[in-house]
Amino acid sequence: MSETGTERDGDPDGNERERTGKGSGGEPTPAEKVATLRSDPVLASAIDEHGVLELEPAADPFARIVTSIVNQQLSVASAAAIRERLFSSVEVTPEGILAADETELRECGLSTQKIAYTRNVAEAFANEELSIPDLETESDEAIIEALTEIGGIGDWTAKMVLMFVFGREDVFPVEDLGVRKAIEQGYGEHTRAEMRDLSTRWEPYRSLASLYLWRTVD
């Protein structure tokens, strides 16, 4: 499935935080993780401006997946307006989405296609075809494969889920419009393949690097 989107306003649901706390059990602290990105001058400048950021898994995985579907192929402002109407008008749970009238969902700003997508995800949750706890121990690749079996979830949405639902720290969402724009602004024009190669300098914290890239184009 061909799919793009943007999360360049940062995370709209509070899964991105400034952190100053310590890690536990030998885990690097948030500051130590971010410090590994400082060798890149573009990211170093963003870190100086925005401080230490950390991914935090979403409290409500279903709502977060719906958020990413809403964000598909829309500007930040348009997506935010639709999210606000949807979450204030409808119970954004699998049961709530399946029970909602199509007219009501359309009035929130969802297209016919996105109504189908959100219902596909709702059915997968309701039927337990998609179990977030069962996927937590799987590899990034296995999670992407499982997610993209659901109609309406492509690579971009799956990577947003990896980042903002599972808190995976080494995801590079080259499909994201904001990430590509930030790379073009900071590093010059590159093909997507070249962007993937460039991103290896940020391993194993490419998700964190993406948070800062989004901030550079806010």
N, C-alpha and C. Protein backbone atom coordinates (compact mmCIF):
# COMPACT_ATOMS: atom_id res chain seq x y z
N MET A 1 0.84 -1.19 0.00
CA MET A 1 0.00 0.00 0.00
C MET A 1 0.88 1.24 0.00
N SER A 2 0.63 2.16 -0.92
CA SER A 2 1.36 3.42 -0.95
C SER A 2 0.72 4.37 0.05
N GLU A 3 1.54 4.94 0.92
CA GLU A 3 0.97 5.74 2.00
C GLU A 3 2.00 6.74 2.46
N THR A 4 1.55 7.95 2.74
CA THR A 4 2.41 8.95 3.35
C THR A 4 1.62 9.65 4.43
N GLY A 5 2.30 10.46 5.18
CA GLY A 5 1.63 11.24 6.21
C GLY A 5 2.65 12.14 6.84
N THR A 6 2.23 12.84 7.88
CA THR A 6 3.19 13.63 8.64
C THR A 6 2.76 13.74 10.07
N GLU A 7 3.74 13.68 10.95
CA GLU A 7 3.54 13.91 12.38
C GLU A 7 4.44 15.07 12.80
N ARG A 8 4.72 16.01 11.89
CA ARG A 8 5.79 16.96 12.18
C ARG A 8 5.43 17.97 13.26
N ASP A 9 4.18 17.93 13.74
CA ASP A 9 3.86 18.75 14.90
C ASP A 9 4.27 18.05 16.18
N GLY A 10 5.14 17.04 16.07
CA GLY A 10 5.47 16.23 17.23
C GLY A 10 4.37 15.22 17.41
N ASP A 11 4.22 14.68 18.58
CA ASP A 11 3.18 13.70 18.80
C ASP A 11 1.94 14.38 19.34
N PRO A 12 0.80 14.29 18.64
CA PRO A 12 -0.40 15.00 19.05
C PRO A 12 -1.07 14.43 20.27
N ASP A 13 -0.66 13.26 20.73
CA ASP A 13 -1.36 12.63 21.84
C ASP A 13 -0.52 12.50 23.09
N GLY A 14 0.56 13.24 23.17
CA GLY A 14 1.32 13.25 24.41
C GLY A 14 2.23 12.07 24.59
N ASN A 15 2.65 11.41 23.50
CA ASN A 15 3.57 10.29 23.63
C ASN A 15 5.02 10.72 23.46
N GLU A 16 5.22 12.01 23.40
CA GLU A 16 6.57 12.56 23.30
C GLU A 16 6.73 13.50 24.48
N ARG A 17 7.79 13.32 25.25
CA ARG A 17 7.94 14.10 26.47
C ARG A 17 9.37 14.61 26.61
N GLU A 18 9.50 15.73 27.30
CA GLU A 18 10.82 16.14 27.75
C GLU A 18 11.11 15.37 29.03
N ARG A 19 12.33 14.82 29.11
CA ARG A 19 12.68 13.98 30.24
C ARG A 19 13.99 14.41 30.87
N THR A 20 14.06 14.26 32.17
CA THR A 20 15.32 14.51 32.86
C THR A 20 15.65 13.38 33.82
N GLY A 21 14.78 12.37 33.91
CA GLY A 21 14.97 11.29 34.87
C GLY A 21 16.05 10.32 34.47
N LYS A 22 16.37 9.40 35.36
CA LYS A 22 17.43 8.44 35.13
C LYS A 22 16.86 7.14 34.59
N GLY A 23 17.70 6.41 33.87
CA GLY A 23 17.31 5.09 33.41
C GLY A 23 17.38 4.11 34.56
N SER A 24 16.95 2.88 34.31
CA SER A 24 16.97 1.88 35.36
C SER A 24 17.58 0.60 34.82
N GLY A 25 18.18 -0.16 35.73
CA GLY A 25 18.71 -1.46 35.37
C GLY A 25 19.75 -1.43 34.28
N GLY A 26 20.57 -0.38 34.25
CA GLY A 26 21.61 -0.30 33.24
C GLY A 26 21.15 0.33 31.94
N GLU A 27 19.87 0.61 31.81
CA GLU A 27 19.34 1.27 30.62
C GLU A 27 19.88 2.70 30.56
N PRO A 28 20.36 3.14 29.39
CA PRO A 28 20.81 4.54 29.28
C PRO A 28 19.70 5.50 29.64
N THR A 29 20.05 6.60 30.25
CA THR A 29 19.06 7.62 30.56
C THR A 29 18.61 8.29 29.27
N PRO A 30 17.45 8.97 29.30
CA PRO A 30 17.04 9.72 28.11
C PRO A 30 18.11 10.70 27.64
N ALA A 31 18.75 11.38 28.57
CA ALA A 31 19.79 12.34 28.19
C ALA A 31 20.97 11.64 27.52
N GLU A 32 21.32 10.46 27.99
CA GLU A 32 22.43 9.72 27.39
C GLU A 32 22.08 9.26 25.98
N LYS A 33 20.84 8.85 25.78
CA LYS A 33 20.41 8.45 24.43
C LYS A 33 20.48 9.64 23.47
N VAL A 34 19.94 10.75 23.92
CA VAL A 34 19.94 11.95 23.07
C VAL A 34 21.36 12.43 22.81
N ALA A 35 22.24 12.27 23.79
CA ALA A 35 23.62 12.72 23.63
C ALA A 35 24.32 12.04 22.46
N THR A 36 23.90 10.81 22.13
CA THR A 36 24.53 10.10 21.01
C THR A 36 24.21 10.76 19.68
N LEU A 37 23.17 11.61 19.65
CA LEU A 37 22.78 12.28 18.41
C LEU A 37 23.49 13.61 18.22
N ARG A 38 24.22 14.06 19.23
CA ARG A 38 24.82 15.39 19.18
C ARG A 38 25.97 15.52 18.19
N SER A 39 26.50 14.39 17.74
CA SER A 39 27.57 14.47 16.74
C SER A 39 27.06 15.00 15.41
N ASP A 40 25.73 14.99 15.24
CA ASP A 40 25.11 15.54 14.04
C ASP A 40 24.77 17.01 14.33
N PRO A 41 25.38 17.95 13.62
CA PRO A 41 25.16 19.38 13.93
C PRO A 41 23.70 19.82 13.82
N VAL A 42 22.96 19.27 12.85
CA VAL A 42 21.55 19.65 12.70
C VAL A 42 20.76 19.22 13.92
N LEU A 43 20.97 17.99 14.36
CA LEU A 43 20.24 17.50 15.53
C LEU A 43 20.74 18.18 16.80
N ALA A 44 22.04 18.45 16.87
CA ALA A 44 22.58 19.12 18.06
C ALA A 44 21.89 20.46 18.28
N SER A 45 21.67 21.20 17.20
CA SER A 45 20.98 22.48 17.31
C SER A 45 19.55 22.30 17.79
N ALA A 46 18.87 21.28 17.27
CA ALA A 46 17.49 21.01 17.69
C ALA A 46 17.43 20.57 19.14
N ILE A 47 18.42 19.79 19.57
CA ILE A 47 18.47 19.35 20.97
C ILE A 47 18.67 20.55 21.89
N ASP A 48 19.56 21.45 21.50
CA ASP A 48 19.79 22.65 22.30
C ASP A 48 18.50 23.46 22.44
N GLU A 49 17.72 23.50 21.38
CA GLU A 49 16.50 24.31 21.39
C GLU A 49 15.36 23.65 22.14
N HIS A 50 15.24 22.32 22.01
CA HIS A 50 14.04 21.64 22.52
C HIS A 50 14.30 20.74 23.72
N GLY A 51 15.55 20.57 24.11
CA GLY A 51 15.84 19.76 25.28
C GLY A 51 15.79 18.27 24.99
N VAL A 52 15.76 17.49 26.05
CA VAL A 52 15.78 16.03 25.94
C VAL A 52 14.36 15.53 25.72
N LEU A 53 14.15 14.81 24.63
CA LEU A 53 12.85 14.22 24.31
C LEU A 53 12.93 12.71 24.44
N GLU A 54 11.80 12.11 24.76
CA GLU A 54 11.73 10.66 24.90
C GLU A 54 10.38 10.17 24.38
N LEU A 55 10.37 9.01 23.76
CA LEU A 55 9.12 8.38 23.36
C LEU A 55 8.49 7.70 24.57
N GLU A 56 7.19 7.80 24.66
CA GLU A 56 6.46 7.12 25.72
C GLU A 56 5.28 6.39 25.08
N PRO A 57 5.17 5.08 25.26
CA PRO A 57 4.07 4.34 24.62
C PRO A 57 2.70 4.93 24.98
N ALA A 58 1.82 4.95 24.01
CA ALA A 58 0.49 5.52 24.21
C ALA A 58 -0.30 4.73 25.25
N ALA A 59 -1.06 5.45 26.06
CA ALA A 59 -1.91 4.79 27.05
C ALA A 59 -3.07 4.06 26.38
N ASP A 60 -3.49 4.55 25.21
CA ASP A 60 -4.63 3.96 24.49
C ASP A 60 -4.18 3.61 23.07
N PRO A 61 -3.70 2.39 22.84
CA PRO A 61 -3.18 2.02 21.51
C PRO A 61 -4.20 2.20 20.39
N PHE A 62 -5.45 1.82 20.63
CA PHE A 62 -6.45 1.94 19.57
C PHE A 62 -6.63 3.39 19.15
N ALA A 63 -6.79 4.28 20.12
CA ALA A 63 -6.97 5.69 19.80
C ALA A 63 -5.75 6.24 19.07
N ARG A 64 -4.57 5.76 19.42
CA ARG A 64 -3.36 6.25 18.76
C ARG A 64 -3.28 5.79 17.32
N ILE A 65 -3.73 4.57 17.05
CA ILE A 65 -3.75 4.08 15.67
C ILE A 65 -4.77 4.87 14.85
N VAL A 66 -5.92 5.14 15.44
CA VAL A 66 -6.92 5.96 14.75
C VAL A 66 -6.35 7.34 14.44
N THR A 67 -5.61 7.91 15.38
CA THR A 67 -4.97 9.20 15.15
C THR A 67 -4.06 9.16 13.93
N SER A 68 -3.27 8.11 13.81
CA SER A 68 -2.36 8.02 12.66
C SER A 68 -3.13 7.85 11.35
N ILE A 69 -4.25 7.14 11.39
CA ILE A 69 -5.07 7.01 10.18
C ILE A 69 -5.63 8.38 9.79
N VAL A 70 -6.11 9.13 10.77
CA VAL A 70 -6.60 10.48 10.49
C VAL A 70 -5.50 11.33 9.85
N ASN A 71 -4.28 11.18 10.34
CA ASN A 71 -3.16 12.01 9.87
C ASN A 71 -2.69 11.67 8.46
N GLN A 72 -3.09 10.53 7.93
CA GLN A 72 -2.60 10.11 6.62
C GLN A 72 -2.90 11.16 5.55
N GLN A 73 -1.84 11.58 4.85
CA GLN A 73 -1.95 12.42 3.66
C GLN A 73 -2.70 13.73 3.90
N LEU A 74 -2.57 14.27 5.11
CA LEU A 74 -3.19 15.55 5.43
C LEU A 74 -2.16 16.50 6.01
N SER A 75 -2.44 17.79 5.89
CA SER A 75 -1.60 18.77 6.55
C SER A 75 -1.80 18.65 8.06
N VAL A 76 -0.85 19.19 8.81
CA VAL A 76 -0.94 19.16 10.27
C VAL A 76 -2.23 19.82 10.75
N ALA A 77 -2.55 20.99 10.19
CA ALA A 77 -3.72 21.74 10.64
C ALA A 77 -5.02 20.99 10.33
N SER A 78 -5.12 20.43 9.13
CA SER A 78 -6.33 19.71 8.75
C SER A 78 -6.52 18.48 9.62
N ALA A 79 -5.44 17.73 9.84
CA ALA A 79 -5.52 16.53 10.66
C ALA A 79 -5.92 16.88 12.09
N ALA A 80 -5.36 17.95 12.63
CA ALA A 80 -5.68 18.35 14.01
C ALA A 80 -7.16 18.71 14.15
N ALA A 81 -7.71 19.40 13.15
CA ALA A 81 -9.12 19.78 13.21
C ALA A 81 -10.03 18.56 13.17
N ILE A 82 -9.69 17.60 12.33
CA ILE A 82 -10.50 16.38 12.24
C ILE A 82 -10.39 15.57 13.53
N ARG A 83 -9.18 15.45 14.06
CA ARG A 83 -9.00 14.71 15.31
C ARG A 83 -9.84 15.32 16.43
N GLU A 84 -9.83 16.64 16.51
CA GLU A 84 -10.58 17.31 17.57
C GLU A 84 -12.07 17.01 17.45
N ARG A 85 -12.60 17.10 16.22
CA ARG A 85 -14.03 16.82 16.03
C ARG A 85 -14.35 15.36 16.32
N LEU A 86 -13.50 14.47 15.85
CA LEU A 86 -13.76 13.04 16.03
C LEU A 86 -13.75 12.66 17.50
N PHE A 87 -12.71 13.08 18.22
CA PHE A 87 -12.58 12.66 19.61
C PHE A 87 -13.58 13.34 20.53
N SER A 88 -14.14 14.47 20.10
CA SER A 88 -15.16 15.13 20.92
C SER A 88 -16.57 14.66 20.58
N SER A 89 -16.73 13.99 19.43
CA SER A 89 -18.07 13.60 18.98
C SER A 89 -18.35 12.11 19.11
N VAL A 90 -17.30 11.30 19.09
CA VAL A 90 -17.46 9.85 19.03
C VAL A 90 -16.61 9.20 20.11
N GLU A 91 -17.09 8.12 20.67
CA GLU A 91 -16.27 7.34 21.59
C GLU A 91 -15.25 6.57 20.76
N VAL A 92 -13.99 6.98 20.87
CA VAL A 92 -12.95 6.38 20.02
C VAL A 92 -12.41 5.12 20.70
N THR A 93 -13.25 4.10 20.64
CA THR A 93 -12.92 2.75 21.07
C THR A 93 -13.36 1.83 19.94
N PRO A 94 -12.90 0.60 19.92
CA PRO A 94 -13.38 -0.30 18.86
C PRO A 94 -14.91 -0.37 18.80
N GLU A 95 -15.53 -0.48 19.97
CA GLU A 95 -16.99 -0.57 20.01
C GLU A 95 -17.64 0.73 19.56
N GLY A 96 -17.05 1.85 20.00
CA GLY A 96 -17.62 3.14 19.65
C GLY A 96 -17.54 3.44 18.16
N ILE A 97 -16.41 3.11 17.55
CA ILE A 97 -16.26 3.35 16.11
C ILE A 97 -17.20 2.46 15.32
N LEU A 98 -17.33 1.20 15.72
CA LEU A 98 -18.21 0.29 14.99
C LEU A 98 -19.68 0.67 15.15
N ALA A 99 -20.01 1.28 16.28
CA ALA A 99 -21.41 1.67 16.52
C ALA A 99 -21.75 3.02 15.90
N ALA A 100 -20.74 3.83 15.60
CA ALA A 100 -20.98 5.18 15.10
C ALA A 100 -21.61 5.14 13.71
N ASP A 101 -22.52 6.05 13.48
CA ASP A 101 -23.16 6.17 12.17
C ASP A 101 -22.17 6.76 11.17
N GLU A 102 -22.21 6.27 9.94
CA GLU A 102 -21.27 6.76 8.93
C GLU A 102 -21.42 8.26 8.70
N THR A 103 -22.65 8.74 8.76
CA THR A 103 -22.87 10.18 8.58
C THR A 103 -22.18 10.97 9.68
N GLU A 104 -22.24 10.47 10.91
CA GLU A 104 -21.60 11.13 12.03
C GLU A 104 -20.09 11.18 11.84
N LEU A 105 -19.51 10.07 11.38
CA LEU A 105 -18.07 10.03 11.15
C LEU A 105 -17.68 10.97 10.00
N ARG A 106 -18.52 11.02 8.99
CA ARG A 106 -18.23 11.91 7.86
C ARG A 106 -18.29 13.37 8.30
N GLU A 107 -19.23 13.69 9.18
CA GLU A 107 -19.35 15.06 9.67
C GLU A 107 -18.14 15.47 10.50
N CYS A 108 -17.44 14.49 11.05
CA CYS A 108 -16.20 14.78 11.78
C CYS A 108 -15.06 15.11 10.83
N GLY A 109 -15.24 14.79 9.56
CA GLY A 109 -14.22 15.09 8.57
C GLY A 109 -13.55 13.88 7.96
N LEU A 110 -13.95 12.68 8.38
CA LEU A 110 -13.35 11.47 7.82
C LEU A 110 -13.91 11.22 6.42
N SER A 111 -13.02 10.87 5.51
CA SER A 111 -13.44 10.48 4.17
C SER A 111 -14.05 9.08 4.22
N THR A 112 -14.73 8.71 3.14
CA THR A 112 -15.28 7.35 3.06
C THR A 112 -14.19 6.31 3.24
N GLN A 113 -13.04 6.57 2.65
CA GLN A 113 -11.91 5.64 2.75
C GLN A 113 -11.42 5.51 4.19
N LYS A 114 -11.28 6.65 4.87
CA LYS A 114 -10.78 6.59 6.24
C LYS A 114 -11.80 6.03 7.22
N ILE A 115 -13.08 6.20 6.92
CA ILE A 115 -14.10 5.54 7.73
C ILE A 115 -13.91 4.03 7.64
N ALA A 116 -13.68 3.55 6.42
CA ALA A 116 -13.45 2.11 6.24
C ALA A 116 -12.19 1.67 6.97
N TYR A 117 -11.15 2.48 6.91
CA TYR A 117 -9.89 2.13 7.56
C TYR A 117 -10.06 2.03 9.08
N THR A 118 -10.71 3.04 9.66
CA THR A 118 -10.88 3.02 11.12
C THR A 118 -11.76 1.85 11.54
N ARG A 119 -12.74 1.52 10.74
CA ARG A 119 -13.59 0.37 11.07
C ARG A 119 -12.82 -0.94 10.92
N ASN A 120 -11.93 -1.01 9.94
CA ASN A 120 -11.10 -2.21 9.80
C ASN A 120 -10.27 -2.44 11.06
N VAL A 121 -9.67 -1.36 11.57
CA VAL A 121 -8.86 -1.48 12.78
C VAL A 121 -9.75 -1.83 13.98
N ALA A 122 -10.92 -1.20 14.05
CA ALA A 122 -11.84 -1.49 15.15
C ALA A 122 -12.25 -2.96 15.15
N GLU A 123 -12.52 -3.50 13.98
CA GLU A 123 -12.90 -4.91 13.88
C GLU A 123 -11.73 -5.81 14.29
N ALA A 124 -10.52 -5.44 13.88
CA ALA A 124 -9.35 -6.24 14.24
C ALA A 124 -9.14 -6.27 15.75
N PHE A 125 -9.36 -5.13 16.41
CA PHE A 125 -9.27 -5.09 17.87
C PHE A 125 -10.41 -5.88 18.51
N ALA A 126 -11.63 -5.65 18.02
CA ALA A 126 -12.80 -6.28 18.63
C ALA A 126 -12.76 -7.80 18.49
N ASN A 127 -12.25 -8.27 17.35
CA ASN A 127 -12.18 -9.72 17.10
C ASN A 127 -10.88 -10.34 17.61
N GLU A 128 -10.04 -9.50 18.22
CA GLU A 128 -8.74 -9.92 18.75
C GLU A 128 -7.82 -10.47 17.66
N GLU A 129 -8.06 -10.02 16.42
CA GLU A 129 -7.12 -10.35 15.35
C GLU A 129 -5.84 -9.55 15.51
N LEU A 130 -5.96 -8.40 16.16
CA LEU A 130 -4.80 -7.57 16.45
C LEU A 130 -4.70 -7.42 17.96
N SER A 131 -3.63 -7.96 18.52
CA SER A 131 -3.42 -7.90 19.97
C SER A 131 -2.10 -7.19 20.24
N ILE A 132 -2.18 -5.99 20.78
CA ILE A 132 -0.97 -5.23 21.08
C ILE A 132 -0.08 -5.98 22.07
N PRO A 133 -0.62 -6.53 23.16
CA PRO A 133 0.25 -7.27 24.10
C PRO A 133 0.99 -8.43 23.44
N ASP A 134 0.31 -9.13 22.52
CA ASP A 134 0.95 -10.27 21.86
C ASP A 134 2.09 -9.83 20.95
N LEU A 135 2.02 -8.60 20.45
CA LEU A 135 3.04 -8.11 19.52
C LEU A 135 4.23 -7.46 20.22
N GLU A 136 4.10 -7.20 21.50
CA GLU A 136 5.12 -6.41 22.20
C GLU A 136 6.51 -7.04 22.14
N THR A 137 6.58 -8.36 22.09
CA THR A 137 7.89 -9.02 22.07
C THR A 137 8.38 -9.32 20.66
N GLU A 138 7.60 -8.95 19.66
CA GLU A 138 7.97 -9.24 18.28
C GLU A 138 8.94 -8.19 17.74
N SER A 139 9.62 -8.53 16.66
CA SER A 139 10.53 -7.59 16.01
C SER A 139 9.74 -6.49 15.32
N ASP A 140 10.43 -5.40 15.00
CA ASP A 140 9.78 -4.32 14.26
C ASP A 140 9.19 -4.85 12.96
N GLU A 141 9.96 -5.68 12.26
CA GLU A 141 9.51 -6.19 10.97
C GLU A 141 8.25 -7.04 11.11
N ALA A 142 8.20 -7.86 12.16
CA ALA A 142 7.02 -8.71 12.37
C ALA A 142 5.79 -7.87 12.71
N ILE A 143 5.99 -6.81 13.48
CA ILE A 143 4.87 -5.93 13.83
C ILE A 143 4.36 -5.22 12.59
N ILE A 144 5.26 -4.73 11.76
CA ILE A 144 4.84 -4.07 10.52
C ILE A 144 4.06 -5.04 9.64
N GLU A 145 4.54 -6.26 9.55
CA GLU A 145 3.84 -7.26 8.73
C GLU A 145 2.43 -7.52 9.25
N ALA A 146 2.30 -7.64 10.58
CA ALA A 146 0.98 -7.89 11.16
C ALA A 146 0.04 -6.70 10.95
N LEU A 147 0.56 -5.50 11.14
CA LEU A 147 -0.28 -4.31 11.01
C LEU A 147 -0.73 -4.08 9.58
N THR A 148 0.17 -4.29 8.64
CA THR A 148 -0.16 -3.97 7.24
C THR A 148 -1.07 -5.01 6.60
N GLU A 149 -1.41 -6.05 7.34
CA GLU A 149 -2.44 -6.97 6.86
C GLU A 149 -3.84 -6.37 7.01
N ILE A 150 -3.94 -5.30 7.79
CA ILE A 150 -5.22 -4.63 8.01
C ILE A 150 -5.39 -3.55 6.95
N GLY A 151 -6.50 -3.58 6.26
CA GLY A 151 -6.76 -2.59 5.21
C GLY A 151 -6.74 -1.18 5.77
N GLY A 152 -5.91 -0.32 5.19
CA GLY A 152 -5.81 1.05 5.65
C GLY A 152 -4.54 1.35 6.40
N ILE A 153 -3.79 0.31 6.76
CA ILE A 153 -2.51 0.52 7.43
C ILE A 153 -1.39 0.14 6.48
N GLY A 154 -0.63 1.15 6.09
CA GLY A 154 0.55 0.93 5.26
C GLY A 154 1.80 1.11 6.09
N ASP A 155 2.94 1.22 5.42
CA ASP A 155 4.21 1.30 6.13
C ASP A 155 4.30 2.53 7.03
N TRP A 156 3.80 3.69 6.54
CA TRP A 156 3.90 4.90 7.36
C TRP A 156 3.12 4.75 8.66
N THR A 157 1.87 4.32 8.56
CA THR A 157 1.06 4.17 9.77
C THR A 157 1.67 3.12 10.69
N ALA A 158 2.15 2.02 10.12
CA ALA A 158 2.77 0.98 10.93
C ALA A 158 3.98 1.52 11.69
N LYS A 159 4.76 2.37 11.05
CA LYS A 159 5.93 2.94 11.73
C LYS A 159 5.51 3.92 12.82
N MET A 160 4.42 4.66 12.60
CA MET A 160 3.92 5.53 13.66
C MET A 160 3.48 4.69 14.86
N VAL A 161 2.89 3.53 14.59
CA VAL A 161 2.48 2.63 15.68
C VAL A 161 3.72 2.10 16.41
N LEU A 162 4.74 1.73 15.66
CA LEU A 162 5.98 1.27 16.30
C LEU A 162 6.52 2.33 17.25
N MET A 163 6.49 3.57 16.81
CA MET A 163 7.06 4.65 17.61
C MET A 163 6.17 5.03 18.78
N PHE A 164 4.88 5.27 18.50
CA PHE A 164 4.02 5.91 19.49
C PHE A 164 3.13 4.96 20.27
N VAL A 165 3.04 3.70 19.84
CA VAL A 165 2.33 2.69 20.62
C VAL A 165 3.32 1.78 21.33
N PHE A 166 4.32 1.31 20.60
CA PHE A 166 5.29 0.39 21.18
C PHE A 166 6.53 1.08 21.75
N GLY A 167 6.71 2.35 21.42
CA GLY A 167 7.86 3.07 21.94
C GLY A 167 9.19 2.60 21.39
N ARG A 168 9.18 2.04 20.17
CA ARG A 168 10.42 1.55 19.57
C ARG A 168 11.30 2.75 19.18
N GLU A 169 12.56 2.69 19.56
CA GLU A 169 13.42 3.87 19.46
C GLU A 169 14.28 3.93 18.21
N ASP A 170 14.25 2.89 17.38
CA ASP A 170 15.12 2.89 16.20
C ASP A 170 14.31 2.70 14.93
N VAL A 171 13.27 3.50 14.77
CA VAL A 171 12.42 3.46 13.58
C VAL A 171 12.71 4.71 12.75
N PHE A 172 12.90 4.52 11.46
CA PHE A 172 13.12 5.67 10.58
C PHE A 172 11.97 5.77 9.59
N PRO A 173 11.04 6.71 9.80
CA PRO A 173 9.86 6.83 8.94
C PRO A 173 10.13 7.68 7.71
N VAL A 174 10.86 7.13 6.76
CA VAL A 174 11.20 7.88 5.56
C VAL A 174 9.95 8.23 4.76
N GLU A 175 8.86 7.53 5.00
CA GLU A 175 7.60 7.83 4.31
C GLU A 175 6.98 9.14 4.79
N ASP A 176 7.45 9.66 5.91
CA ASP A 176 6.83 10.83 6.52
C ASP A 176 7.25 12.11 5.80
N LEU A 177 6.27 12.92 5.42
CA LEU A 177 6.54 14.15 4.68
C LEU A 177 7.39 15.12 5.49
N GLY A 178 7.09 15.22 6.79
CA GLY A 178 7.84 16.14 7.63
C GLY A 178 9.29 15.73 7.79
N VAL A 179 9.54 14.44 7.95
CA VAL A 179 10.91 13.95 8.06
C VAL A 179 11.68 14.24 6.78
N ARG A 180 11.06 13.97 5.64
CA ARG A 180 11.76 14.23 4.37
C ARG A 180 12.03 15.72 4.18
N LYS A 181 11.06 16.55 4.55
CA LYS A 181 11.26 17.99 4.43
C LYS A 181 12.41 18.45 5.32
N ALA A 182 12.46 17.92 6.54
CA ALA A 182 13.52 18.30 7.47
C ALA A 182 14.89 17.89 6.94
N ILE A 183 14.97 16.70 6.35
CA ILE A 183 16.24 16.25 5.79
C ILE A 183 16.65 17.13 4.62
N GLU A 184 15.70 17.48 3.77
CA GLU A 184 16.02 18.35 2.64
C GLU A 184 16.52 19.71 3.12
N GLN A 185 15.89 20.23 4.18
CA GLN A 185 16.31 21.53 4.71
C GLN A 185 17.68 21.47 5.38
N GLY A 186 17.92 20.39 6.09
CA GLY A 186 19.14 20.32 6.88
C GLY A 186 20.33 19.68 6.19
N TYR A 187 20.04 18.80 5.21
CA TYR A 187 21.12 18.00 4.62
C TYR A 187 21.14 18.05 3.09
N GLY A 188 20.20 18.76 2.49
CA GLY A 188 20.14 18.83 1.04
C GLY A 188 19.22 17.77 0.46
N GLU A 189 19.05 17.83 -0.84
CA GLU A 189 18.13 16.90 -1.51
C GLU A 189 18.73 15.49 -1.55
N HIS A 190 17.88 14.52 -1.23
CA HIS A 190 18.28 13.12 -1.24
C HIS A 190 17.11 12.27 -1.72
N THR A 191 17.41 11.15 -2.34
CA THR A 191 16.37 10.17 -2.62
C THR A 191 16.00 9.48 -1.31
N ARG A 192 14.91 8.75 -1.32
CA ARG A 192 14.53 8.03 -0.10
C ARG A 192 15.59 7.01 0.29
N ALA A 193 16.17 6.36 -0.71
CA ALA A 193 17.23 5.39 -0.40
C ALA A 193 18.42 6.08 0.26
N GLU A 194 18.76 7.26 -0.24
CA GLU A 194 19.87 8.01 0.36
C GLU A 194 19.52 8.48 1.77
N MET A 195 18.25 8.82 1.99
CA MET A 195 17.82 9.21 3.34
C MET A 195 17.96 8.04 4.30
N ARG A 196 17.61 6.84 3.84
CA ARG A 196 17.78 5.66 4.70
C ARG A 196 19.25 5.47 5.05
N ASP A 197 20.12 5.64 4.06
CA ASP A 197 21.55 5.51 4.33
C ASP A 197 22.01 6.58 5.32
N LEU A 198 21.54 7.80 5.13
CA LEU A 198 21.90 8.89 6.03
C LEU A 198 21.46 8.59 7.46
N SER A 199 20.30 7.96 7.59
CA SER A 199 19.73 7.72 8.92
C SER A 199 20.55 6.74 9.75
N THR A 200 21.44 5.98 9.11
CA THR A 200 22.21 5.00 9.89
C THR A 200 23.12 5.68 10.91
N ARG A 201 23.44 6.95 10.69
CA ARG A 201 24.29 7.67 11.65
C ARG A 201 23.56 7.88 12.98
N TRP A 202 22.23 7.74 12.97
CA TRP A 202 21.45 7.98 14.19
C TRP A 202 21.09 6.69 14.93
N GLU A 203 21.47 5.55 14.37
CA GLU A 203 21.18 4.29 15.06
C GLU A 203 21.89 4.25 16.41
N PRO A 204 21.30 3.64 17.43
CA PRO A 204 20.02 2.92 17.45
C PRO A 204 18.84 3.78 17.93
N TYR A 205 18.91 5.09 17.67
CA TYR A 205 17.87 5.99 18.17
C TYR A 205 17.28 6.83 17.04
N ARG A 206 16.94 6.17 15.94
CA ARG A 206 16.41 6.92 14.80
C ARG A 206 15.02 7.48 15.06
N SER A 207 14.25 6.85 15.93
CA SER A 207 12.96 7.42 16.31
C SER A 207 13.16 8.75 17.03
N LEU A 208 14.13 8.78 17.93
CA LEU A 208 14.41 10.02 18.65
C LEU A 208 14.91 11.09 17.69
N ALA A 209 15.75 10.69 16.74
CA ALA A 209 16.21 11.64 15.73
C ALA A 209 15.03 12.21 14.96
N SER A 210 14.04 11.37 14.67
CA SER A 210 12.86 11.84 13.94
C SER A 210 12.08 12.87 14.73
N LEU A 211 12.01 12.70 16.06
CA LEU A 211 11.33 13.71 16.88
C LEU A 211 11.97 15.08 16.70
N TYR A 212 13.29 15.09 16.65
CA TYR A 212 13.98 16.37 16.48
C TYR A 212 13.86 16.89 15.05
N LEU A 213 13.86 15.99 14.08
CA LEU A 213 13.67 16.43 12.69
C LEU A 213 12.31 17.10 12.54
N TRP A 214 11.26 16.51 13.13
CA TRP A 214 9.95 17.15 13.08
C TRP A 214 9.98 18.54 13.69
N ARG A 215 10.70 18.67 14.79
CA ARG A 215 10.76 19.98 15.46
C ARG A 215 11.42 21.04 14.57
N THR A 216 12.33 20.63 13.71
CA THR A 216 13.02 21.63 12.87
C THR A 216 12.12 22.21 11.79
N VAL A 217 10.99 21.56 11.52
CA VAL A 217 10.07 22.09 10.51
C VAL A 217 8.74 22.51 11.10
N ASP A 218 8.65 22.60 12.42
CA ASP A 218 7.43 23.08 13.07
C ASP A 218 7.12 24.50 12.61
